[in-house]
PDB file of N, CA and C in Angstrom:
ATOM      1  N   MET A   1       0.838  -1.209  -0.007  1.00  0.00           N
ATOM      2  CA  MET A   1       0.000  -0.005  -0.001  1.00  0.00           C
ATOM      3  C   MET A   1       0.872   1.247   0.001  1.00  0.00           C
ATOM      4  N   ARG A   2       0.491   2.201  -0.789  1.00  0.00           N
ATOM      5  CA  ARG A   2       1.266   3.433  -0.891  1.00  0.00           C
ATOM      6  C   ARG A   2       0.915   4.366   0.264  1.00  0.00           C
ATOM      7  N   ASN A   3       1.913   5.011   0.762  1.00  0.00           N
ATOM      8  CA  ASN A   3       1.736   5.900   1.889  1.00  0.00           C
ATOM      9  C   ASN A   3       1.735   7.357   1.416  1.00  0.00           C
ATOM     10  N   GLU A   4       0.550   7.884   1.145  1.00  0.00           N
ATOM     11  CA  GLU A   4       0.426   9.260   0.660  1.00  0.00           C
ATOM     12  C   GLU A   4       0.873  10.275   1.689  1.00  0.00           C
ATOM     13  N   LYS A   5       0.879   9.901   2.970  1.00  0.00           N
ATOM     14  CA  LYS A   5       1.339  10.818   4.017  1.00  0.00           C
ATOM     15  C   LYS A   5       2.816  11.168   3.844  1.00  0.00           C
ATOM     16  N   LEU A   6       3.570  10.236   3.275  1.00  0.00           N
ATOM     17  CA  LEU A   6       4.984  10.496   3.030  1.00  0.00           C
ATOM     18  C   LEU A   6       5.176  11.662   2.070  1.00  0.00           C
ATOM     19  N   LEU A   7       4.395  11.710   1.010  1.00  0.00           N
ATOM     20  CA  LEU A   7       4.475  12.827   0.079  1.00  0.00           C
ATOM     21  C   LEU A   7       4.138  14.148   0.754  1.00  0.00           C
ATOM     22  N   GLY A   8       3.128  14.128   1.609  1.00  0.00           N
ATOM     23  CA  GLY A   8       2.752  15.325   2.362  1.00  0.00           C
ATOM     24  C   GLY A   8       3.884  15.785   3.276  1.00  0.00           C
ATOM     25  N   MET A   9       4.545  14.831   3.914  1.00  0.00           N
ATOM     26  CA  MET A   9       5.644  15.159   4.819  1.00  0.00           C
ATOM     27  C   MET A   9       6.832  15.733   4.030  1.00  0.00           C
ATOM     28  N   LEU A  10       7.084  15.180   2.829  1.00  0.00           N
ATOM     29  CA  LEU A  10       8.148  15.708   1.987  1.00  0.00           C
ATOM     30  C   LEU A  10       7.844  17.143   1.554  1.00  0.00           C
ATOM     31  N   GLY A  11       6.585  17.401   1.221  1.00  0.00           N
ATOM     32  CA  GLY A  11       6.187  18.754   0.860  1.00  0.00           C
ATOM     33  C   GLY A  11       6.359  19.724   2.012  1.00  0.00           C
ATOM     34  N   LEU A  12       6.012  19.291   3.199  1.00  0.00           N
ATOM     35  CA  LEU A  12       6.169  20.119   4.399  1.00  0.00           C
ATOM     36  C   LEU A  12       7.647  20.398   4.667  1.00  0.00           C
ATOM     37  N   ALA A  13       8.484  19.376   4.542  1.00  0.00           N
ATOM     38  CA  ALA A  13       9.925  19.535   4.740  1.00  0.00           C
ATOM     39  C   ALA A  13      10.508  20.505   3.711  1.00  0.00           C
ATOM     40  N   ALA A  14      10.033  20.415   2.480  1.00  0.00           N
ATOM     41  CA  ALA A  14      10.526  21.309   1.420  1.00  0.00           C
ATOM     42  C   ALA A  14      10.155  22.770   1.738  1.00  0.00           C
ATOM     43  N   ARG A  15       8.917  22.972   2.160  1.00  0.00           N
ATOM     44  CA  ARG A  15       8.485  24.341   2.490  1.00  0.00           C
ATOM     45  C   ARG A  15       9.245  24.887   3.699  1.00  0.00           C
ATOM     46  N   ALA A  16       9.649  24.007   4.610  1.00  0.00           N
ATOM     47  CA  ALA A  16      10.402  24.421   5.793  1.00  0.00           C
ATOM     48  C   ALA A  16      11.900  24.515   5.505  1.00  0.00           C
ATOM     49  N   ARG A  17      12.279  24.228   4.268  1.00  0.00           N
ATOM     50  CA  ARG A  17      13.677  24.246   3.850  1.00  0.00           C
ATOM     51  C   ARG A  17      14.549  23.254   4.634  1.00  0.00           C
ATOM     52  N   LYS A  18      13.976  22.096   4.906  1.00  0.00           N
ATOM     53  CA  LYS A  18      14.662  21.032   5.619  1.00  0.00           C
ATOM     54  C   LYS A  18      14.903  19.838   4.703  1.00  0.00           C
ATOM     55  N   LEU A  19      14.841  20.094   3.390  1.00  0.00           N
ATOM     56  CA  LEU A  19      14.954  19.043   2.398  1.00  0.00           C
ATOM     57  C   LEU A  19      15.795  19.570   1.242  1.00  0.00           C
ATOM     58  N   ILE A  20      16.670  18.713   0.727  1.00  0.00           N
ATOM     59  CA  ILE A  20      17.481  19.047  -0.444  1.00  0.00           C
ATOM     60  C   ILE A  20      17.000  18.156  -1.574  1.00  0.00           C
ATOM     61  N   ALA A  21      16.817  18.700  -2.768  1.00  0.00           N
ATOM     62  CA  ALA A  21      16.299  17.930  -3.888  1.00  0.00           C
ATOM     63  C   ALA A  21      17.260  17.932  -5.062  1.00  0.00           C
ATOM     64  N   GLY A  22      17.399  16.758  -5.695  1.00  0.00           N
ATOM     65  CA  GLY A  22      18.239  16.623  -6.880  1.00  0.00           C
ATOM     66  C   GLY A  22      19.452  15.761  -6.632  1.00  0.00           C
ATOM     67  N   THR A  23      19.727  14.889  -7.562  1.00  0.00           N
ATOM     68  CA  THR A  23      20.822  13.934  -7.412  1.00  0.00           C
ATOM     69  C   THR A  23      22.172  14.622  -7.176  1.00  0.00           C
ATOM     70  N   GLU A  24      22.505  15.590  -8.002  1.00  0.00           N
ATOM     71  CA  GLU A  24      23.803  16.259  -7.879  1.00  0.00           C
ATOM     72  C   GLU A  24      23.950  16.987  -6.555  1.00  0.00           C
ATOM     73  N   ILE A  25      22.932  17.741  -6.173  1.00  0.00           N
ATOM     74  CA  ILE A  25      23.000  18.501  -4.939  1.00  0.00           C
ATOM     75  C   ILE A  25      23.056  17.569  -3.731  1.00  0.00           C
ATOM     76  N   VAL A  26      22.267  16.510  -3.755  1.00  0.00           N
ATOM     77  CA  VAL A  26      22.259  15.550  -2.640  1.00  0.00           C
ATOM     78  C   VAL A  26      23.620  14.912  -2.477  1.00  0.00           C
ATOM     79  N   THR A  27      24.213  14.446  -3.573  1.00  0.00           N
ATOM     80  CA  THR A  27      25.536  13.801  -3.454  1.00  0.00           C
ATOM     81  C   THR A  27      26.616  14.797  -3.032  1.00  0.00           C
ATOM     82  N   GLU A  28      26.519  16.045  -3.486  1.00  0.00           N
ATOM     83  CA  GLU A  28      27.479  17.072  -3.065  1.00  0.00           C
ATOM     84  C   GLU A  28      27.381  17.314  -1.558  1.00  0.00           C
ATOM     85  N   LYS A  29      26.170  17.411  -1.035  1.00  0.00           N
ATOM     86  CA  LYS A  29      25.984  17.655   0.394  1.00  0.00           C
ATOM     87  C   LYS A  29      26.464  16.481   1.232  1.00  0.00           C
ATOM     88  N   ILE A  30      26.250  15.257   0.746  1.00  0.00           N
ATOM     89  CA  ILE A  30      26.741  14.084   1.463  1.00  0.00           C
ATOM     90  C   ILE A  30      28.260  14.120   1.524  1.00  0.00           C
ATOM     91  N   LYS A  31      28.901  14.371   0.397  1.00  0.00           N
ATOM     92  CA  LYS A  31      30.362  14.415   0.339  1.00  0.00           C
ATOM     93  C   LYS A  31      30.937  15.518   1.194  1.00  0.00           C
ATOM     94  N   ALA A  32      30.208  16.632   1.317  1.00  0.00           N
ATOM     95  CA  ALA A  32      30.675  17.758   2.115  1.00  0.00           C
ATOM     96  C   ALA A  32      30.396  17.561   3.602  1.00  0.00           C
ATOM     97  N   GLY A  33      29.700  16.475   3.956  1.00  0.00           N
ATOM     98  CA  GLY A  33      29.372  16.234   5.370  1.00  0.00           C
ATOM     99  C   GLY A  33      28.345  17.172   5.909  1.00  0.00           C
ATOM    100  N   ARG A  34      27.398  17.581   5.064  1.00  0.00           N
ATOM    101  CA  ARG A  34      26.399  18.580   5.426  1.00  0.00           C
ATOM    102  C   ARG A  34      25.150  17.985   6.062  1.00  0.00           C
ATOM    103  N   SER A  35      25.294  17.321   7.155  1.00  0.00           N
ATOM    104  CA  SER A  35      24.181  16.862   7.991  1.00  0.00           C
ATOM    105  C   SER A  35      23.002  16.218   7.252  1.00  0.00           C
ATOM    106  N   VAL A  36      23.277  15.403   6.248  1.00  0.00           N
ATOM    107  CA  VAL A  36      22.212  14.678   5.564  1.00  0.00           C
ATOM    108  C   VAL A  36      21.822  13.501   6.447  1.00  0.00           C
ATOM    109  N   LYS A  37      20.568  13.464   6.858  1.00  0.00           N
ATOM    110  CA  LYS A  37      20.079  12.419   7.753  1.00  0.00           C
ATOM    111  C   LYS A  37      19.580  11.194   6.998  1.00  0.00           C
ATOM    112  N   LEU A  38      18.879  11.433   5.881  1.00  0.00           N
ATOM    113  CA  LEU A  38      18.253  10.350   5.139  1.00  0.00           C
ATOM    114  C   LEU A  38      18.086  10.758   3.683  1.00  0.00           C
ATOM    115  N   VAL A  39      18.432   9.860   2.770  1.00  0.00           N
ATOM    116  CA  VAL A  39      18.239  10.086   1.350  1.00  0.00           C
ATOM    117  C   VAL A  39      17.109   9.182   0.879  1.00  0.00           C
ATOM    118  N   LEU A  40      16.148   9.752   0.176  1.00  0.00           N
ATOM    119  CA  LEU A  40      15.034   8.997  -0.397  1.00  0.00           C
ATOM    120  C   LEU A  40      15.191   8.988  -1.907  1.00  0.00           C
ATOM    121  N   ILE A  41      15.136   7.784  -2.496  1.00  0.00           N
ATOM    122  CA  ILE A  41      15.360   7.611  -3.919  1.00  0.00           C
ATOM    123  C   ILE A  41      14.050   7.177  -4.580  1.00  0.00           C
ATOM    124  N   ALA A  42      13.715   7.822  -5.686  1.00  0.00           N
ATOM    125  CA  ALA A  42      12.480   7.504  -6.406  1.00  0.00           C
ATOM    126  C   ALA A  42      12.530   6.096  -6.984  1.00  0.00           C
ATOM    127  N   SER A  43      11.350   5.542  -7.205  1.00  0.00           N
ATOM    128  CA  SER A  43      11.255   4.158  -7.682  1.00  0.00           C
ATOM    129  C   SER A  43      11.629   3.998  -9.152  1.00  0.00           C
ATOM    130  N   ASP A  44      11.595   5.082  -9.915  1.00  0.00           N
ATOM    131  CA  ASP A  44      11.838   4.976 -11.342  1.00  0.00           C
ATOM    132  C   ASP A  44      13.131   5.631 -11.820  1.00  0.00           C
ATOM    133  N   VAL A  45      14.133   5.692 -10.950  1.00  0.00           N
ATOM    134  CA  VAL A  45      15.424   6.264 -11.369  1.00  0.00           C
ATOM    135  C   VAL A  45      16.160   5.269 -12.255  1.00  0.00           C
ATOM    136  N   SER A  46      17.051   5.770 -13.080  1.00  0.00           N
ATOM    137  CA  SER A  46      17.842   4.883 -13.948  1.00  0.00           C
ATOM    138  C   SER A  46      18.835   4.100 -13.090  1.00  0.00           C
ATOM    139  N   GLU A  47      19.336   3.016 -13.654  1.00  0.00           N
ATOM    140  CA  GLU A  47      20.326   2.195 -12.930  1.00  0.00           C
ATOM    141  C   GLU A  47      21.590   2.993 -12.613  1.00  0.00           C
ATOM    142  N   ASN A  48      22.023   3.839 -13.558  1.00  0.00           N
ATOM    143  CA  ASN A  48      23.214   4.647 -13.314  1.00  0.00           C
ATOM    144  C   ASN A  48      23.017   5.636 -12.171  1.00  0.00           C
ATOM    145  N   THR A  49      21.875   6.295 -12.147  1.00  0.00           N
ATOM    146  CA  THR A  49      21.590   7.246 -11.070  1.00  0.00           C
ATOM    147  C   THR A  49      21.477   6.528  -9.738  1.00  0.00           C
ATOM    148  N   LEU A  50      20.793   5.399  -9.726  1.00  0.00           N
ATOM    149  CA  LEU A  50      20.653   4.615  -8.491  1.00  0.00           C
ATOM    150  C   LEU A  50      22.023   4.219  -7.970  1.00  0.00           C
ATOM    151  N   LYS A  51      22.879   3.730  -8.849  1.00  0.00           N
ATOM    152  CA  LYS A  51      24.218   3.299  -8.454  1.00  0.00           C
ATOM    153  C   LYS A  51      25.012   4.473  -7.889  1.00  0.00           C
ATOM    154  N   LYS A  52      24.926   5.632  -8.530  1.00  0.00           N
ATOM    155  CA  LYS A  52      25.650   6.817  -8.088  1.00  0.00           C
ATOM    156  C   LYS A  52      25.233   7.222  -6.673  1.00  0.00           C
ATOM    157  N   ILE A  53      23.927   7.270  -6.441  1.00  0.00           N
ATOM    158  CA  ILE A  53      23.416   7.688  -5.131  1.00  0.00           C
ATOM    159  C   ILE A  53      23.754   6.655  -4.055  1.00  0.00           C
ATOM    160  N   VAL A  54      23.494   5.393  -4.344  1.00  0.00           N
ATOM    161  CA  VAL A  54      23.730   4.341  -3.360  1.00  0.00           C
ATOM    162  C   VAL A  54      25.225   4.244  -3.009  1.00  0.00           C
ATOM    163  N   ASN A  55      26.090   4.309  -4.005  1.00  0.00           N
ATOM    164  CA  ASN A  55      27.527   4.251  -3.741  1.00  0.00           C
ATOM    165  C   ASN A  55      27.977   5.411  -2.866  1.00  0.00           C
ATOM    166  N   CYS A  56      27.472   6.606  -3.144  1.00  0.00           N
ATOM    167  CA  CYS A  56      27.803   7.774  -2.336  1.00  0.00           C
ATOM    168  C   CYS A  56      27.318   7.609  -0.904  1.00  0.00           C
ATOM    169  N   CYS A  57      26.073   7.169  -0.738  1.00  0.00           N
ATOM    170  CA  CYS A  57      25.504   6.971   0.595  1.00  0.00           C
ATOM    171  C   CYS A  57      26.294   5.919   1.382  1.00  0.00           C
ATOM    172  N   GLU A  58      26.609   4.825   0.739  1.00  0.00           N
ATOM    173  CA  GLU A  58      27.333   3.769   1.432  1.00  0.00           C
ATOM    174  C   GLU A  58      28.743   4.174   1.791  1.00  0.00           C
ATOM    175  N   PHE A  59      29.434   4.854   0.890  1.00  0.00           N
ATOM    176  CA  PHE A  59      30.811   5.284   1.161  1.00  0.00           C
ATOM    177  C   PHE A  59      30.857   6.265   2.330  1.00  0.00           C
ATOM    178  N   TYR A  60      29.915   7.208   2.368  1.00  0.00           N
ATOM    179  CA  TYR A  60      29.889   8.218   3.421  1.00  0.00           C
ATOM    180  C   TYR A  60      28.968   7.834   4.583  1.00  0.00           C
ATOM    181  N   GLU A  61      28.551   6.586   4.612  1.00  0.00           N
ATOM    182  CA  GLU A  61      27.731   6.034   5.701  1.00  0.00           C
ATOM    183  C   GLU A  61      26.497   6.883   5.985  1.00  0.00           C
ATOM    184  N   THR A  62      25.751   7.155   4.917  1.00  0.00           N
ATOM    185  CA  THR A  62      24.517   7.933   5.015  1.00  0.00           C
ATOM    186  C   THR A  62      23.338   7.008   4.744  1.00  0.00           C
ATOM    187  N   GLU A  63      22.333   7.101   5.587  1.00  0.00           N
ATOM    188  CA  GLU A  63      21.154   6.242   5.450  1.00  0.00           C
ATOM    189  C   GLU A  63      20.371   6.610   4.199  1.00  0.00           C
ATOM    190  N   TYR A  64      19.870   5.593   3.502  1.00  0.00           N
ATOM    191  CA  TYR A  64      19.059   5.826   2.306  1.00  0.00           C
ATOM    192  C   TYR A  64      17.947   4.789   2.221  1.00  0.00           C
ATOM    193  N   GLU A  65      16.896   5.162   1.491  1.00  0.00           N
ATOM    194  CA  GLU A  65      15.744   4.278   1.263  1.00  0.00           C
ATOM    195  C   GLU A  65      15.264   4.487  -0.160  1.00  0.00           C
ATOM    196  N   ARG A  66      14.877   3.417  -0.803  1.00  0.00           N
ATOM    197  CA  ARG A  66      14.209   3.510  -2.103  1.00  0.00           C
ATOM    198  C   ARG A  66      12.718   3.504  -1.807  1.00  0.00           C
ATOM    199  N   ILE A  67      12.013   4.530  -2.256  1.00  0.00           N
ATOM    200  CA  ILE A  67      10.602   4.637  -1.919  1.00  0.00           C
ATOM    201  C   ILE A  67       9.739   4.280  -3.129  1.00  0.00           C
ATOM    202  N   GLN A  68       8.459   4.089  -2.885  1.00  0.00           N
ATOM    203  CA  GLN A  68       7.533   3.590  -3.907  1.00  0.00           C
ATOM    204  C   GLN A  68       7.011   4.676  -4.825  1.00  0.00           C
ATOM    205  N   PHE A  69       7.435   5.893  -4.646  1.00  0.00           N
ATOM    206  CA  PHE A  69       6.929   6.998  -5.471  1.00  0.00           C
ATOM    207  C   PHE A  69       7.868   7.301  -6.620  1.00  0.00           C
ATOM    208  N   THR A  70       7.289   7.757  -7.737  1.00  0.00           N
ATOM    209  CA  THR A  70       8.074   8.081  -8.922  1.00  0.00           C
ATOM    210  C   THR A  70       8.687   9.475  -8.792  1.00  0.00           C
ATOM    211  N   ARG A  71       9.597   9.773  -9.727  1.00  0.00           N
ATOM    212  CA  ARG A  71      10.232  11.087  -9.751  1.00  0.00           C
ATOM    213  C   ARG A  71       9.179  12.181  -9.931  1.00  0.00           C
ATOM    214  N   ASP A  72       8.191  11.914 -10.763  1.00  0.00           N
ATOM    215  CA  ASP A  72       7.123  12.896 -11.002  1.00  0.00           C
ATOM    216  C   ASP A  72       6.314  13.162  -9.731  1.00  0.00           C
ATOM    217  N   GLU A  73       5.970  12.103  -9.016  1.00  0.00           N
ATOM    218  CA  GLU A  73       5.174  12.250  -7.779  1.00  0.00           C
ATOM    219  C   GLU A  73       5.958  13.022  -6.701  1.00  0.00           C
ATOM    220  N   ILE A  74       7.226  12.704  -6.585  1.00  0.00           N
ATOM    221  CA  ILE A  74       8.067  13.397  -5.590  1.00  0.00           C
ATOM    222  C   ILE A  74       8.195  14.877  -5.977  1.00  0.00           C
ATOM    223  N   SER A  75       8.477  15.128  -7.244  1.00  0.00           N
ATOM    224  CA  SER A  75       8.640  16.512  -7.717  1.00  0.00           C
ATOM    225  C   SER A  75       7.387  17.339  -7.470  1.00  0.00           C
ATOM    226  N   HIS A  76       6.235  16.749  -7.772  1.00  0.00           N
ATOM    227  CA  HIS A  76       4.968  17.432  -7.536  1.00  0.00           C
ATOM    228  C   HIS A  76       4.770  17.737  -6.051  1.00  0.00           C
ATOM    229  N   ALA A  77       5.089  16.771  -5.191  1.00  0.00           N
ATOM    230  CA  ALA A  77       4.889  16.945  -3.747  1.00  0.00           C
ATOM    231  C   ALA A  77       5.760  18.052  -3.165  1.00  0.00           C
ATOM    232  N   ILE A  78       6.974  18.219  -3.696  1.00  0.00           N
ATOM    233  CA  ILE A  78       7.882  19.228  -3.128  1.00  0.00           C
ATOM    234  C   ILE A  78       7.848  20.546  -3.913  1.00  0.00           C
ATOM    235  N   GLY A  79       7.008  20.605  -4.950  1.00  0.00           N
ATOM    236  CA  GLY A  79       6.831  21.845  -5.672  1.00  0.00           C
ATOM    237  C   GLY A  79       7.915  22.150  -6.688  1.00  0.00           C
ATOM    238  N   LYS A  80       8.563  21.143  -7.222  1.00  0.00           N
ATOM    239  CA  LYS A  80       9.606  21.345  -8.239  1.00  0.00           C
ATOM    240  C   LYS A  80       9.021  21.070  -9.620  1.00  0.00           C
ATOM    241  N   MET A  81       9.458  21.832 -10.604  1.00  0.00           N
ATOM    242  CA  MET A  81       8.982  21.649 -11.972  1.00  0.00           C
ATOM    243  C   MET A  81       9.713  20.511 -12.679  1.00  0.00           C
ATOM    244  N   CYS A  82      10.996  20.332 -12.379  1.00  0.00           N
ATOM    245  CA  CYS A  82      11.760  19.277 -13.046  1.00  0.00           C
ATOM    246  C   CYS A  82      11.699  17.999 -12.207  1.00  0.00           C
ATOM    247  N   LEU A  83      11.923  16.873 -12.849  1.00  0.00           N
ATOM    248  CA  LEU A  83      11.856  15.576 -12.161  1.00  0.00           C
ATOM    249  C   LEU A  83      12.969  15.460 -11.124  1.00  0.00           C
ATOM    250  N   THR A  84      12.619  14.943  -9.971  1.00  0.00           N
ATOM    251  CA  THR A  84      13.567  14.815  -8.870  1.00  0.00           C
ATOM    252  C   THR A  84      13.768  13.335  -8.557  1.00  0.00           C
ATOM    253  N   SER A  85      14.994  12.857  -8.735  1.00  0.00           N
ATOM    254  CA  SER A  85      15.316  11.445  -8.508  1.00  0.00           C
ATOM    255  C   SER A  85      15.579  11.139  -7.048  1.00  0.00           C
ATOM    256  N   ALA A  86      16.104  12.123  -6.322  1.00  0.00           N
ATOM    257  CA  ALA A  86      16.462  11.888  -4.927  1.00  0.00           C
ATOM    258  C   ALA A  86      16.253  13.157  -4.111  1.00  0.00           C
ATOM    259  N   VAL A  87      15.864  12.955  -2.858  1.00  0.00           N
ATOM    260  CA  VAL A  87      15.758  14.061  -1.910  1.00  0.00           C
ATOM    261  C   VAL A  87      16.475  13.643  -0.636  1.00  0.00           C
ATOM    262  N   ALA A  88      16.980  14.638   0.075  1.00  0.00           N
ATOM    263  CA  ALA A  88      17.676  14.362   1.334  1.00  0.00           C
ATOM    264  C   ALA A  88      17.042  15.163   2.452  1.00  0.00           C
ATOM    265  N   ILE A  89      16.766  14.494   3.549  1.00  0.00           N
ATOM    266  CA  ILE A  89      16.237  15.141   4.742  1.00  0.00           C
ATOM    267  C   ILE A  89      17.421  15.615   5.571  1.00  0.00           C
ATOM    268  N   ILE A  90      17.426  16.889   5.967  1.00  0.00           N
ATOM    269  CA  ILE A  90      18.570  17.440   6.690  1.00  0.00           C
ATOM    270  C   ILE A  90      18.229  17.872   8.117  1.00  0.00           C
ATOM    271  N   ASP A  91      17.039  17.567   8.572  1.00  0.00           N
ATOM    272  CA  ASP A  91      16.601  17.977   9.905  1.00  0.00           C
ATOM    273  C   ASP A  91      16.251  16.745  10.731  1.00  0.00           C
ATOM    274  N   PRO A  92      16.731  16.664  11.979  1.00  0.00           N
ATOM    275  CA  PRO A  92      16.454  15.471  12.808  1.00  0.00           C
ATOM    276  C   PRO A  92      14.963  15.230  13.071  1.00  0.00           C
ATOM    277  N   ASP A  93      14.195  16.262  13.250  1.00  0.00           N
ATOM    278  CA  ASP A  93      12.761  16.092  13.514  1.00  0.00           C
ATOM    279  C   ASP A  93      12.029  15.561  12.289  1.00  0.00           C
ATOM    280  N   PHE A  94      12.341  16.125  11.111  1.00  0.00           N
ATOM    281  CA  PHE A  94      11.743  15.607   9.883  1.00  0.00           C
ATOM    282  C   PHE A  94      12.244  14.196   9.591  1.00  0.00           C
ATOM    283  N   TYR A  95      13.507  13.915   9.928  1.00  0.00           N
ATOM    284  CA  TYR A  95      14.040  12.569   9.766  1.00  0.00           C
ATOM    285  C   TYR A  95      13.183  11.567  10.536  1.00  0.00           C
ATOM    286  N   ASN A  96      12.914  11.868  11.800  1.00  0.00           N
ATOM    287  CA  ASN A  96      12.108  10.966  12.637  1.00  0.00           C
ATOM    288  C   ASN A  96      10.709  10.770  12.067  1.00  0.00           C
ATOM    289  N   ALA A  97      10.103  11.854  11.610  1.00  0.00           N
ATOM    290  CA  ALA A  97       8.742  11.777  11.059  1.00  0.00           C
ATOM    291  C   ALA A  97       8.726  10.976   9.759  1.00  0.00           C
ATOM    292  N   VAL A  98       9.679  11.225   8.885  1.00  0.00           N
ATOM    293  CA  VAL A  98       9.725  10.520   7.608  1.00  0.00           C
ATOM    294  C   VAL A  98      10.077   9.050   7.807  1.00  0.00           C
ATOM    295  N   LYS A  99      10.986   8.782   8.713  1.00  0.00           N
ATOM    296  CA  LYS A  99      11.420   7.397   8.963  1.00  0.00           C
ATOM    297  C   LYS A  99      10.247   6.533   9.400  1.00  0.00           C
ATOM    298  N   LYS A 100       9.325   7.098  10.161  1.00  0.00           N
ATOM    299  CA  LYS A 100       8.136   6.343  10.591  1.00  0.00           C
ATOM    300  C   LYS A 100       7.225   5.999   9.412  1.00  0.00           C
ATOM    301  N   LEU A 101       7.270   6.819   8.368  1.00  0.00           N
ATOM    302  CA  LEU A 101       6.377   6.640   7.211  1.00  0.00           C
ATOM    303  C   LEU A 101       6.997   5.791   6.098  1.00  0.00           C
ATOM    304  N   VAL A 102       8.304   5.620   6.128  1.00  0.00           N
ATOM    305  CA  VAL A 102       8.968   4.864   5.067  1.00  0.00           C
ATOM    306  C   VAL A 102       8.813   3.379   5.286  1.00  0.00           C
TER     307      VAL A 102
END
């Protein structure tokens, strides 16, 4: 069953500026040690993008989850016009809330 509350929580985190969106930006923040708590990866990312994100998360020991929502659904929830393959939660309180929904 799909958890629509997760999309709502991502939208709330985006409006509160506690979420980073986009593969390049997410991997840059992880490499820079910028307090990334959790990376969420869309269900329809390409194999190359998935490998890039997962390798980065594992190397820098950052928690990640592949979620059941597509890039389009995630982008719509966070108010972005372009497709978003990955988002990163950077706030401990949002991390706890999202982790319960994943």
